[in-house]
Amino acid sequence: MQESELRLPASHRLAFRELGLAIGLADVARTLLELSGAGRALPGAARRAALLATLAPYQRLGPAIVGFWLASAHRAAPAWQVHGDLNDVMLATSLLPAQGLDVFA
């Protein structure tokens, strides 16, 4: 996904794809922190940390994506409605990291 795609109107975007990206980006900082601490001993930790560090500049996109899809006008677009159930789940999931919840703990 290119940043220019995030400037398109809701009718030309796939919310579940974007929200999946936002969910992944939200976890970059947490994983980097783990890999710099106790996770340093995990096999491949240095390589994983290096790869994740390349994503760090894009973390700002996550909140922008979530904010876009939180707007009810954007969720009214046919592109949202076609995949409504999936989009609803992805939006709800994207909000969990923002609340500091760890549903897998």
PDB file of N, CA and C in Angstrom:
ATOM      1  N   MET A   1       0.845  -1.173   0.000  1.00  0.00           N
ATOM      2  CA  MET A   1       0.000   0.000   0.000  1.00  0.00           C
ATOM      3  C   MET A   1       0.889   1.233   0.000  1.00  0.00           C
ATOM      4  N   GLN A   2       0.558   2.165  -0.855  1.00  0.00           N
ATOM      5  CA  GLN A   2       1.301   3.415  -0.907  1.00  0.00           C
ATOM      6  C   GLN A   2       0.527   4.475  -0.133  1.00  0.00           C
ATOM      7  N   GLU A   3       1.258   5.435   0.439  1.00  0.00           N
ATOM      8  CA  GLU A   3       0.601   6.476   1.224  1.00  0.00           C
ATOM      9  C   GLU A   3      -0.425   7.238   0.397  1.00  0.00           C
ATOM     10  N   SER A   4      -0.211   7.362  -0.905  1.00  0.00           N
ATOM     11  CA  SER A   4      -1.156   8.086  -1.749  1.00  0.00           C
ATOM     12  C   SER A   4      -2.525   7.400  -1.760  1.00  0.00           C
ATOM     13  N   GLU A   5      -2.548   6.076  -1.539  1.00  0.00           N
ATOM     14  CA  GLU A   5      -3.816   5.363  -1.488  1.00  0.00           C
ATOM     15  C   GLU A   5      -4.657   5.808  -0.297  1.00  0.00           C
ATOM     16  N   LEU A   6      -4.010   6.293   0.743  1.00  0.00           N
ATOM     17  CA  LEU A   6      -4.738   6.734   1.929  1.00  0.00           C
ATOM     18  C   LEU A   6      -5.400   8.083   1.730  1.00  0.00           C
ATOM     19  N   ARG A   7      -5.167   8.694   0.589  1.00  0.00           N
ATOM     20  CA  ARG A   7      -5.827   9.969   0.266  1.00  0.00           C
ATOM     21  C   ARG A   7      -7.076   9.767  -0.578  1.00  0.00           C
ATOM     22  N   LEU A   8      -7.325   8.542  -0.991  1.00  0.00           N
ATOM     23  CA  LEU A   8      -8.494   8.246  -1.808  1.00  0.00           C
ATOM     24  C   LEU A   8      -9.758   8.313  -0.961  1.00  0.00           C
ATOM     25  N   PRO A   9     -10.902   8.538  -1.594  1.00  0.00           N
ATOM     26  CA  PRO A   9     -12.159   8.522  -0.840  1.00  0.00           C
ATOM     27  C   PRO A   9     -12.492   7.100  -0.378  1.00  0.00           C
ATOM     28  N   ALA A  10     -13.355   6.990   0.600  1.00  0.00           N
ATOM     29  CA  ALA A  10     -13.727   5.690   1.167  1.00  0.00           C
ATOM     30  C   ALA A  10     -14.248   4.728   0.104  1.00  0.00           C
ATOM     31  N   SER A  11     -14.870   5.228  -0.916  1.00  0.00           N
ATOM     32  CA  SER A  11     -15.431   4.381  -1.966  1.00  0.00           C
ATOM     33  C   SER A  11     -14.365   3.652  -2.780  1.00  0.00           C
ATOM     34  N   HIS A  12     -13.118   4.060  -2.654  1.00  0.00           N
ATOM     35  CA  HIS A  12     -12.027   3.450  -3.414  1.00  0.00           C
ATOM     36  C   HIS A  12     -11.017   2.729  -2.514  1.00  0.00           C
ATOM     37  N   ARG A  13     -11.416   2.442  -1.285  1.00  0.00           N
ATOM     38  CA  ARG A  13     -10.490   1.851  -0.316  1.00  0.00           C
ATOM     39  C   ARG A  13     -11.077   0.570   0.269  1.00  0.00           C
ATOM     40  N   LEU A  14     -10.211  -0.338   0.704  1.00  0.00           N
ATOM     41  CA  LEU A  14     -10.634  -1.565   1.381  1.00  0.00           C
ATOM     42  C   LEU A  14     -10.296  -1.432   2.864  1.00  0.00           C
ATOM     43  N   ALA A  15     -11.312  -1.216   3.648  1.00  0.00           N
ATOM     44  CA  ALA A  15     -11.115  -0.960   5.072  1.00  0.00           C
ATOM     45  C   ALA A  15     -10.409  -2.111   5.772  1.00  0.00           C
ATOM     46  N   PHE A  16     -10.821  -3.348   5.519  1.00  0.00           N
ATOM     47  CA  PHE A  16     -10.223  -4.472   6.250  1.00  0.00           C
ATOM     48  C   PHE A  16      -8.735  -4.598   5.948  1.00  0.00           C
ATOM     49  N   ARG A  17      -8.330  -4.270   4.749  1.00  0.00           N
ATOM     50  CA  ARG A  17      -6.908  -4.336   4.402  1.00  0.00           C
ATOM     51  C   ARG A  17      -6.144  -3.242   5.151  1.00  0.00           C
ATOM     52  N   GLU A  18      -6.693  -2.036   5.122  1.00  0.00           N
ATOM     53  CA  GLU A  18      -6.042  -0.919   5.807  1.00  0.00           C
ATOM     54  C   GLU A  18      -6.000  -1.127   7.313  1.00  0.00           C
ATOM     55  N   LEU A  19      -7.095  -1.613   7.873  1.00  0.00           N
ATOM     56  CA  LEU A  19      -7.145  -1.813   9.317  1.00  0.00           C
ATOM     57  C   LEU A  19      -6.205  -2.935   9.750  1.00  0.00           C
ATOM     58  N   GLY A  20      -6.021  -3.934   8.907  1.00  0.00           N
ATOM     59  CA  GLY A  20      -5.027  -4.975   9.192  1.00  0.00           C
ATOM     60  C   GLY A  20      -3.631  -4.385   9.273  1.00  0.00           C
ATOM     61  N   LEU A  21      -3.348  -3.462   8.370  1.00  0.00           N
ATOM     62  CA  LEU A  21      -2.060  -2.765   8.405  1.00  0.00           C
ATOM     63  C   LEU A  21      -1.923  -1.962   9.698  1.00  0.00           C
ATOM     64  N   ALA A  22      -2.981  -1.257  10.077  1.00  0.00           N
ATOM     65  CA  ALA A  22      -2.956  -0.457  11.306  1.00  0.00           C
ATOM     66  C   ALA A  22      -2.726  -1.332  12.534  1.00  0.00           C
ATOM     67  N   ILE A  23      -3.347  -2.502  12.557  1.00  0.00           N
ATOM     68  CA  ILE A  23      -3.177  -3.429  13.679  1.00  0.00           C
ATOM     69  C   ILE A  23      -1.718  -3.881  13.764  1.00  0.00           C
ATOM     70  N   GLY A  24      -1.153  -4.236  12.637  1.00  0.00           N
ATOM     71  CA  GLY A  24       0.241  -4.659  12.622  1.00  0.00           C
ATOM     72  C   GLY A  24       1.194  -3.553  13.022  1.00  0.00           C
ATOM     73  N   LEU A  25       0.953  -2.352  12.511  1.00  0.00           N
ATOM     74  CA  LEU A  25       1.824  -1.225  12.845  1.00  0.00           C
ATOM     75  C   LEU A  25       1.746  -0.871  14.327  1.00  0.00           C
ATOM     76  N   ALA A  26       0.587  -1.058  14.935  1.00  0.00           N
ATOM     77  CA  ALA A  26       0.428  -0.754  16.354  1.00  0.00           C
ATOM     78  C   ALA A  26       1.277  -1.672  17.216  1.00  0.00           C
ATOM     79  N   ASP A  27       1.616  -2.830  16.701  1.00  0.00           N
ATOM     80  CA  ASP A  27       2.384  -3.798  17.476  1.00  0.00           C
ATOM     81  C   ASP A  27       3.890  -3.653  17.280  1.00  0.00           C
ATOM     82  N   VAL A  28       4.321  -2.840  16.334  1.00  0.00           N
ATOM     83  CA  VAL A  28       5.752  -2.696  16.047  1.00  0.00           C
ATOM     84  C   VAL A  28       6.520  -2.208  17.276  1.00  0.00           C
ATOM     85  N   ALA A  29       6.072  -1.135  17.885  1.00  0.00           N
ATOM     86  CA  ALA A  29       6.788  -0.559  19.030  1.00  0.00           C
ATOM     87  C   ALA A  29       6.853  -1.541  20.200  1.00  0.00           C
ATOM     88  N   ARG A  30       5.750  -2.221  20.475  1.00  0.00           N
ATOM     89  CA  ARG A  30       5.720  -3.181  21.591  1.00  0.00           C
ATOM     90  C   ARG A  30       6.699  -4.321  21.336  1.00  0.00           C
ATOM     91  N   THR A  31       6.717  -4.826  20.129  1.00  0.00           N
ATOM     92  CA  THR A  31       7.608  -5.932  19.810  1.00  0.00           C
ATOM     93  C   THR A  31       9.067  -5.496  19.848  1.00  0.00           C
ATOM     94  N   LEU A  32       9.356  -4.305  19.353  1.00  0.00           N
ATOM     95  CA  LEU A  32      10.730  -3.793  19.421  1.00  0.00           C
ATOM     96  C   LEU A  32      11.188  -3.669  20.871  1.00  0.00           C
ATOM     97  N   LEU A  33      10.298  -3.211  21.731  1.00  0.00           N
ATOM     98  CA  LEU A  33      10.619  -3.090  23.151  1.00  0.00           C
ATOM     99  C   LEU A  33      10.920  -4.458  23.760  1.00  0.00           C
ATOM    100  N   GLU A  34      10.092  -5.441  23.427  1.00  0.00           N
ATOM    101  CA  GLU A  34      10.322  -6.794  23.928  1.00  0.00           C
ATOM    102  C   GLU A  34      11.662  -7.343  23.446  1.00  0.00           C
ATOM    103  N   LEU A  35      11.977  -7.084  22.182  1.00  0.00           N
ATOM    104  CA  LEU A  35      13.218  -7.616  21.609  1.00  0.00           C
ATOM    105  C   LEU A  35      14.455  -6.900  22.142  1.00  0.00           C
ATOM    106  N   SER A  36      14.273  -5.734  22.718  1.00  0.00           N
ATOM    107  CA  SER A  36      15.420  -5.031  23.294  1.00  0.00           C
ATOM    108  C   SER A  36      15.622  -5.411  24.760  1.00  0.00           C
ATOM    109  N   GLY A  37      14.626  -6.063  25.335  1.00  0.00           N
ATOM    110  CA  GLY A  37      14.720  -6.484  26.732  1.00  0.00           C
ATOM    111  C   GLY A  37      14.946  -7.977  26.829  1.00  0.00           C
ATOM    112  N   ALA A  38      14.054  -8.647  27.533  1.00  0.00           N
ATOM    113  CA  ALA A  38      14.190 -10.085  27.756  1.00  0.00           C
ATOM    114  C   ALA A  38      14.138 -10.876  26.453  1.00  0.00           C
ATOM    115  N   GLY A  39      13.465 -10.344  25.460  1.00  0.00           N
ATOM    116  CA  GLY A  39      13.351 -11.031  24.176  1.00  0.00           C
ATOM    117  C   GLY A  39      14.636 -11.072  23.382  1.00  0.00           C
ATOM    118  N   ARG A  40      15.647 -10.357  23.861  1.00  0.00           N
ATOM    119  CA  ARG A  40      16.946 -10.324  23.183  1.00  0.00           C
ATOM    120  C   ARG A  40      17.536 -11.728  23.037  1.00  0.00           C
ATOM    121  N   ALA A  41      17.190 -12.615  23.963  1.00  0.00           N
ATOM    122  CA  ALA A  41      17.745 -13.972  23.954  1.00  0.00           C
ATOM    123  C   ALA A  41      17.027 -14.893  22.968  1.00  0.00           C
ATOM    124  N   LEU A  42      15.923 -14.468  22.404  1.00  0.00           N
ATOM    125  CA  LEU A  42      15.187 -15.312  21.460  1.00  0.00           C
ATOM    126  C   LEU A  42      15.984 -15.503  20.173  1.00  0.00           C
ATOM    127  N   PRO A  43      15.888 -16.686  19.573  1.00  0.00           N
ATOM    128  CA  PRO A  43      16.578 -16.916  18.305  1.00  0.00           C
ATOM    129  C   PRO A  43      16.110 -15.917  17.243  1.00  0.00           C
ATOM    130  N   GLY A  44      17.038 -15.308  16.562  1.00  0.00           N
ATOM    131  CA  GLY A  44      16.708 -14.369  15.494  1.00  0.00           C
ATOM    132  C   GLY A  44      16.225 -13.011  15.974  1.00  0.00           C
ATOM    133  N   ALA A  45      16.355 -12.718  17.246  1.00  0.00           N
ATOM    134  CA  ALA A  45      15.835 -11.468  17.803  1.00  0.00           C
ATOM    135  C   ALA A  45      16.458 -10.243  17.136  1.00  0.00           C
ATOM    136  N   ALA A  46      17.750 -10.267  16.908  1.00  0.00           N
ATOM    137  CA  ALA A  46      18.417  -9.110  16.308  1.00  0.00           C
ATOM    138  C   ALA A  46      17.902  -8.861  14.890  1.00  0.00           C
ATOM    139  N   ARG A  47      17.728  -9.927  14.135  1.00  0.00           N
ATOM    140  CA  ARG A  47      17.214  -9.780  12.764  1.00  0.00           C
ATOM    141  C   ARG A  47      15.777  -9.280  12.769  1.00  0.00           C
ATOM    142  N   ARG A  48      14.960  -9.844  13.655  1.00  0.00           N
ATOM    143  CA  ARG A  48      13.567  -9.392  13.762  1.00  0.00           C
ATOM    144  C   ARG A  48      13.518  -7.918  14.148  1.00  0.00           C
ATOM    145  N   ALA A  49      14.343  -7.515  15.084  1.00  0.00           N
ATOM    146  CA  ALA A  49      14.366  -6.118  15.520  1.00  0.00           C
ATOM    147  C   ALA A  49      14.778  -5.205  14.375  1.00  0.00           C
ATOM    148  N   ALA A  50      15.768  -5.634  13.596  1.00  0.00           N
ATOM    149  CA  ALA A  50      16.219  -4.826  12.468  1.00  0.00           C
ATOM    150  C   ALA A  50      15.114  -4.677  11.425  1.00  0.00           C
ATOM    151  N   LEU A  51      14.403  -5.754  11.146  1.00  0.00           N
ATOM    152  CA  LEU A  51      13.303  -5.690  10.186  1.00  0.00           C
ATOM    153  C   LEU A  51      12.165  -4.805  10.689  1.00  0.00           C
ATOM    154  N   LEU A  52      11.840  -4.953  11.961  1.00  0.00           N
ATOM    155  CA  LEU A  52      10.769  -4.133  12.538  1.00  0.00           C
ATOM    156  C   LEU A  52      11.149  -2.656  12.572  1.00  0.00           C
ATOM    157  N   ALA A  53      12.415  -2.378  12.785  1.00  0.00           N
ATOM    158  CA  ALA A  53      12.866  -0.984  12.830  1.00  0.00           C
ATOM    159  C   ALA A  53      12.620  -0.277  11.496  1.00  0.00           C
ATOM    160  N   THR A  54      12.632  -1.038  10.406  1.00  0.00           N
ATOM    161  CA  THR A  54      12.352  -0.417   9.098  1.00  0.00           C
ATOM    162  C   THR A  54      10.894   0.022   8.989  1.00  0.00           C
ATOM    163  N   LEU A  55      10.026  -0.546   9.825  1.00  0.00           N
ATOM    164  CA  LEU A  55       8.606  -0.169   9.816  1.00  0.00           C
ATOM    165  C   LEU A  55       8.299   1.014  10.730  1.00  0.00           C
ATOM    166  N   ALA A  56       9.190   1.319  11.629  1.00  0.00           N
ATOM    167  CA  ALA A  56       8.943   2.371  12.617  1.00  0.00           C
ATOM    168  C   ALA A  56       8.507   3.704  12.000  1.00  0.00           C
ATOM    169  N   PRO A  57       9.093   4.152  10.893  1.00  0.00           N
ATOM    170  CA  PRO A  57       8.659   5.432  10.327  1.00  0.00           C
ATOM    171  C   PRO A  57       7.198   5.436   9.839  1.00  0.00           C
ATOM    172  N   TYR A  58       6.643   4.252   9.653  1.00  0.00           N
ATOM    173  CA  TYR A  58       5.274   4.166   9.131  1.00  0.00           C
ATOM    174  C   TYR A  58       4.214   4.036  10.231  1.00  0.00           C
ATOM    175  N   GLN A  59       4.657   3.969  11.475  1.00  0.00           N
ATOM    176  CA  GLN A  59       3.713   3.785  12.576  1.00  0.00           C
ATOM    177  C   GLN A  59       2.658   4.886  12.639  1.00  0.00           C
ATOM    178  N   ARG A  60       3.001   6.067  12.197  1.00  0.00           N
ATOM    179  CA  ARG A  60       2.041   7.178  12.241  1.00  0.00           C
ATOM    180  C   ARG A  60       0.834   6.936  11.333  1.00  0.00           C
ATOM    181  N   LEU A  61       0.974   6.038  10.375  1.00  0.00           N
ATOM    182  CA  LEU A  61      -0.132   5.748   9.467  1.00  0.00           C
ATOM    183  C   LEU A  61      -1.268   5.011  10.168  1.00  0.00           C
ATOM    184  N   GLY A  62      -0.926   4.179  11.141  1.00  0.00           N
ATOM    185  CA  GLY A  62      -1.952   3.394  11.836  1.00  0.00           C
ATOM    186  C   GLY A  62      -3.068   4.238  12.427  1.00  0.00           C
ATOM    187  N   PRO A  63      -2.734   5.217  13.281  1.00  0.00           N
ATOM    188  CA  PRO A  63      -3.795   6.059  13.841  1.00  0.00           C
ATOM    189  C   PRO A  63      -4.563   6.841  12.774  1.00  0.00           C
ATOM    190  N   ALA A  64      -3.897   7.226  11.706  1.00  0.00           N
ATOM    191  CA  ALA A  64      -4.582   7.957  10.625  1.00  0.00           C
ATOM    192  C   ALA A  64      -5.606   7.052   9.939  1.00  0.00           C
ATOM    193  N   ILE A  65      -5.236   5.802   9.721  1.00  0.00           N
ATOM    194  CA  ILE A  65      -6.160   4.843   9.096  1.00  0.00           C
ATOM    195  C   ILE A  65      -7.361   4.596   9.997  1.00  0.00           C
ATOM    196  N   VAL A  66      -7.099   4.321  11.264  1.00  0.00           N
ATOM    197  CA  VAL A  66      -8.191   4.055  12.207  1.00  0.00           C
ATOM    198  C   VAL A  66      -9.102   5.278  12.321  1.00  0.00           C
ATOM    199  N   GLY A  67      -8.502   6.449  12.432  1.00  0.00           N
ATOM    200  CA  GLY A  67      -9.296   7.677  12.517  1.00  0.00           C
ATOM    201  C   GLY A  67     -10.186   7.876  11.304  1.00  0.00           C
ATOM    202  N   PHE A  68      -9.659   7.563  10.128  1.00  0.00           N
ATOM    203  CA  PHE A  68     -10.454   7.692   8.901  1.00  0.00           C
ATOM    204  C   PHE A  68     -11.693   6.803   8.970  1.00  0.00           C
ATOM    205  N   TRP A  69     -11.494   5.541   9.359  1.00  0.00           N
ATOM    206  CA  TRP A  69     -12.614   4.599   9.361  1.00  0.00           C
ATOM    207  C   TRP A  69     -13.529   4.747  10.569  1.00  0.00           C
ATOM    208  N   LEU A  70     -13.104   5.476  11.581  1.00  0.00           N
ATOM    209  CA  LEU A  70     -14.015   5.767  12.696  1.00  0.00           C
ATOM    210  C   LEU A  70     -15.096   6.767  12.304  1.00  0.00           C
ATOM    211  N   ALA A  71     -14.838   7.554  11.287  1.00  0.00           N
ATOM    212  CA  ALA A  71     -15.827   8.539  10.832  1.00  0.00           C
ATOM    213  C   ALA A  71     -17.022   7.811  10.221  1.00  0.00           C
ATOM    214  N   SER A  72     -18.193   8.042  10.768  1.00  0.00           N
ATOM    215  CA  SER A  72     -19.391   7.330  10.303  1.00  0.00           C
ATOM    216  C   SER A  72     -19.680   7.577   8.824  1.00  0.00           C
ATOM    217  N   ALA A  73     -19.326   8.738   8.321  1.00  0.00           N
ATOM    218  CA  ALA A  73     -19.545   9.018   6.895  1.00  0.00           C
ATOM    219  C   ALA A  73     -18.730   8.072   6.025  1.00  0.00           C
ATOM    220  N   HIS A  74     -17.524   7.726   6.466  1.00  0.00           N
ATOM    221  CA  HIS A  74     -16.695   6.805   5.685  1.00  0.00           C
ATOM    222  C   HIS A  74     -17.233   5.376   5.769  1.00  0.00           C
ATOM    223  N   ARG A  75     -17.794   5.018   6.914  1.00  0.00           N
ATOM    224  CA  ARG A  75     -18.364   3.677   7.065  1.00  0.00           C
ATOM    225  C   ARG A  75     -19.692   3.534   6.334  1.00  0.00           C
ATOM    226  N   ALA A  76     -20.259   4.632   5.891  1.00  0.00           N
ATOM    227  CA  ALA A  76     -21.500   4.587   5.113  1.00  0.00           C
ATOM    228  C   ALA A  76     -21.238   4.287   3.636  1.00  0.00           C
ATOM    229  N   ALA A  77     -19.986   4.341   3.224  1.00  0.00           N
ATOM    230  CA  ALA A  77     -19.631   4.096   1.821  1.00  0.00           C
ATOM    231  C   ALA A  77     -19.944   2.649   1.444  1.00  0.00           C
ATOM    232  N   PRO A  78     -20.380   2.435   0.211  1.00  0.00           N
ATOM    233  CA  PRO A  78     -20.659   1.062  -0.239  1.00  0.00           C
ATOM    234  C   PRO A  78     -19.464   0.125  -0.076  1.00  0.00           C
ATOM    235  N   ALA A  79     -18.259   0.628  -0.241  1.00  0.00           N
ATOM    236  CA  ALA A  79     -17.067  -0.212  -0.095  1.00  0.00           C
ATOM    237  C   ALA A  79     -16.954  -0.760   1.328  1.00  0.00           C
ATOM    238  N   TRP A  80     -17.425  -0.003   2.315  1.00  0.00           N
ATOM    239  CA  TRP A  80     -17.436  -0.503   3.699  1.00  0.00           C
ATOM    240  C   TRP A  80     -18.572  -1.515   3.860  1.00  0.00           C
ATOM    241  N   GLN A  81     -19.738  -1.173   3.351  1.00  0.00           N
ATOM    242  CA  GLN A  81     -20.934  -1.986   3.549  1.00  0.00           C
ATOM    243  C   GLN A  81     -20.816  -3.386   2.935  1.00  0.00           C
ATOM    244  N   VAL A  82     -20.132  -3.502   1.813  1.00  0.00           N
ATOM    245  CA  VAL A  82     -19.985  -4.795   1.140  1.00  0.00           C
ATOM    246  C   VAL A  82     -19.311  -5.812   2.049  1.00  0.00           C
ATOM    247  N   HIS A  83     -18.353  -5.364   2.823  1.00  0.00           N
ATOM    248  CA  HIS A  83     -17.616  -6.240   3.739  1.00  0.00           C
ATOM    249  C   HIS A  83     -17.852  -5.801   5.188  1.00  0.00           C
ATOM    250  N   GLY A  84     -19.054  -5.356   5.459  1.00  0.00           N
ATOM    251  CA  GLY A  84     -19.381  -4.740   6.746  1.00  0.00           C
ATOM    252  C   GLY A  84     -18.991  -5.534   7.969  1.00  0.00           C
ATOM    253  N   ASP A  85     -19.327  -6.829   8.008  1.00  0.00           N
ATOM    254  CA  ASP A  85     -19.012  -7.635   9.199  1.00  0.00           C
ATOM    255  C   ASP A  85     -17.505  -7.718   9.423  1.00  0.00           C
ATOM    256  N   LEU A  86     -16.778  -7.998   8.370  1.00  0.00           N
ATOM    257  CA  LEU A  86     -15.318  -8.084   8.473  1.00  0.00           C
ATOM    258  C   LEU A  86     -14.725  -6.736   8.869  1.00  0.00           C
ATOM    259  N   ASN A  87     -15.225  -5.676   8.262  1.00  0.00           N
ATOM    260  CA  ASN A  87     -14.720  -4.343   8.582  1.00  0.00           C
ATOM    261  C   ASN A  87     -14.993  -3.964  10.030  1.00  0.00           C
ATOM    262  N   ASP A  88     -16.174  -4.318  10.525  1.00  0.00           N
ATOM    263  CA  ASP A  88     -16.506  -4.026  11.929  1.00  0.00           C
ATOM    264  C   ASP A  88     -15.535  -4.717  12.883  1.00  0.00           C
ATOM    265  N   VAL A  89     -15.242  -5.988  12.605  1.00  0.00           N
ATOM    266  CA  VAL A  89     -14.314  -6.740  13.459  1.00  0.00           C
ATOM    267  C   VAL A  89     -12.920  -6.134  13.393  1.00  0.00           C
ATOM    268  N   MET A  90     -12.484  -5.795  12.191  1.00  0.00           N
ATOM    269  CA  MET A  90     -11.144  -5.226  12.037  1.00  0.00           C
ATOM    270  C   MET A  90     -11.045  -3.865  12.727  1.00  0.00           C
ATOM    271  N   LEU A  91     -12.084  -3.052  12.631  1.00  0.00           N
ATOM    272  CA  LEU A  91     -12.065  -1.752  13.299  1.00  0.00           C
ATOM    273  C   LEU A  91     -12.026  -1.936  14.807  1.00  0.00           C
ATOM    274  N   ALA A  92     -12.852  -2.837  15.329  1.00  0.00           N
ATOM    275  CA  ALA A  92     -12.851  -3.089  16.772  1.00  0.00           C
ATOM    276  C   ALA A  92     -11.481  -3.587  17.229  1.00  0.00           C
ATOM    277  N   THR A  93     -10.883  -4.476  16.471  1.00  0.00           N
ATOM    278  CA  THR A  93      -9.563  -5.010  16.824  1.00  0.00           C
ATOM    279  C   THR A  93      -8.507  -3.919  16.780  1.00  0.00           C
ATOM    280  N   SER A  94      -8.621  -3.029  15.822  1.00  0.00           N
ATOM    281  CA  SER A  94      -7.630  -1.949  15.707  1.00  0.00           C
ATOM    282  C   SER A  94      -7.694  -0.996  16.892  1.00  0.00           C
ATOM    283  N   LEU A  95      -8.808  -0.959  17.574  1.00  0.00           N
ATOM    284  CA  LEU A  95      -8.955  -0.071  18.726  1.00  0.00           C
ATOM    285  C   LEU A  95      -8.373  -0.682  19.998  1.00  0.00           C
ATOM    286  N   LEU A  96      -8.187  -1.995  20.053  1.00  0.00           N
ATOM    287  CA  LEU A  96      -7.673  -2.640  21.265  1.00  0.00           C
ATOM    288  C   LEU A  96      -6.282  -2.138  21.657  1.00  0.00           C
ATOM    289  N   PRO A  97      -5.309  -2.074  20.729  1.00  0.00           N
ATOM    290  CA  PRO A  97      -3.999  -1.591  21.157  1.00  0.00           C
ATOM    291  C   PRO A  97      -4.045  -0.155  21.699  1.00  0.00           C
ATOM    292  N   ALA A  98      -4.923   0.653  21.152  1.00  0.00           N
ATOM    293  CA  ALA A  98      -5.042   2.038  21.610  1.00  0.00           C
ATOM    294  C   ALA A  98      -5.540   2.111  23.046  1.00  0.00           C
ATOM    295  N   GLN A  99      -6.235   1.083  23.479  1.00  0.00           N
ATOM    296  CA  GLN A  99      -6.747   1.050  24.847  1.00  0.00           C
ATOM    297  C   GLN A  99      -5.775   0.383  25.804  1.00  0.00           C
ATOM    298  N   GLY A 100      -4.657  -0.093  25.292  1.00  0.00           N
ATOM    299  CA  GLY A 100      -3.674  -0.743  26.138  1.00  0.00           C
ATOM    300  C   GLY A 100      -4.113  -2.128  26.586  1.00  0.00           C
ATOM    301  N   LEU A 101      -4.998  -2.752  25.851  1.00  0.00           N
ATOM    302  CA  LEU A 101      -5.493  -4.071  26.219  1.00  0.00           C
ATOM    303  C   LEU A 101      -4.653  -5.143  25.544  1.00  0.00           C
ATOM    304  N   ASP A 102      -4.346  -6.163  26.262  1.00  0.00           N
ATOM    305  CA  ASP A 102      -3.660  -7.304  25.682  1.00  0.00           C
ATOM    306  C   ASP A 102      -4.610  -8.487  25.816  1.00  0.00           C
ATOM    307  N   VAL A 103      -5.354  -8.772  24.754  1.00  0.00           N
ATOM    308  CA  VAL A 103      -6.382  -9.813  24.820  1.00  0.00           C
ATOM    309  C   VAL A 103      -5.796 -11.212  24.870  1.00  0.00           C
ATOM    310  N   PHE A 104      -4.482 -11.337  24.624  1.00  0.00           N
ATOM    311  CA  PHE A 104      -3.875 -12.657  24.625  1.00  0.00           C
ATOM    312  C   PHE A 104      -3.094 -12.926  25.914  1.00  0.00           C
ATOM    313  N   ALA A 105      -3.132 -12.013  26.836  1.00  0.00           N
ATOM    314  CA  ALA A 105      -2.376 -12.189  28.097  1.00  0.00           C
ATOM    315  C   ALA A 105      -3.092 -13.165  29.011  1.00  0.00           C
TER     316      ALA A 105
END
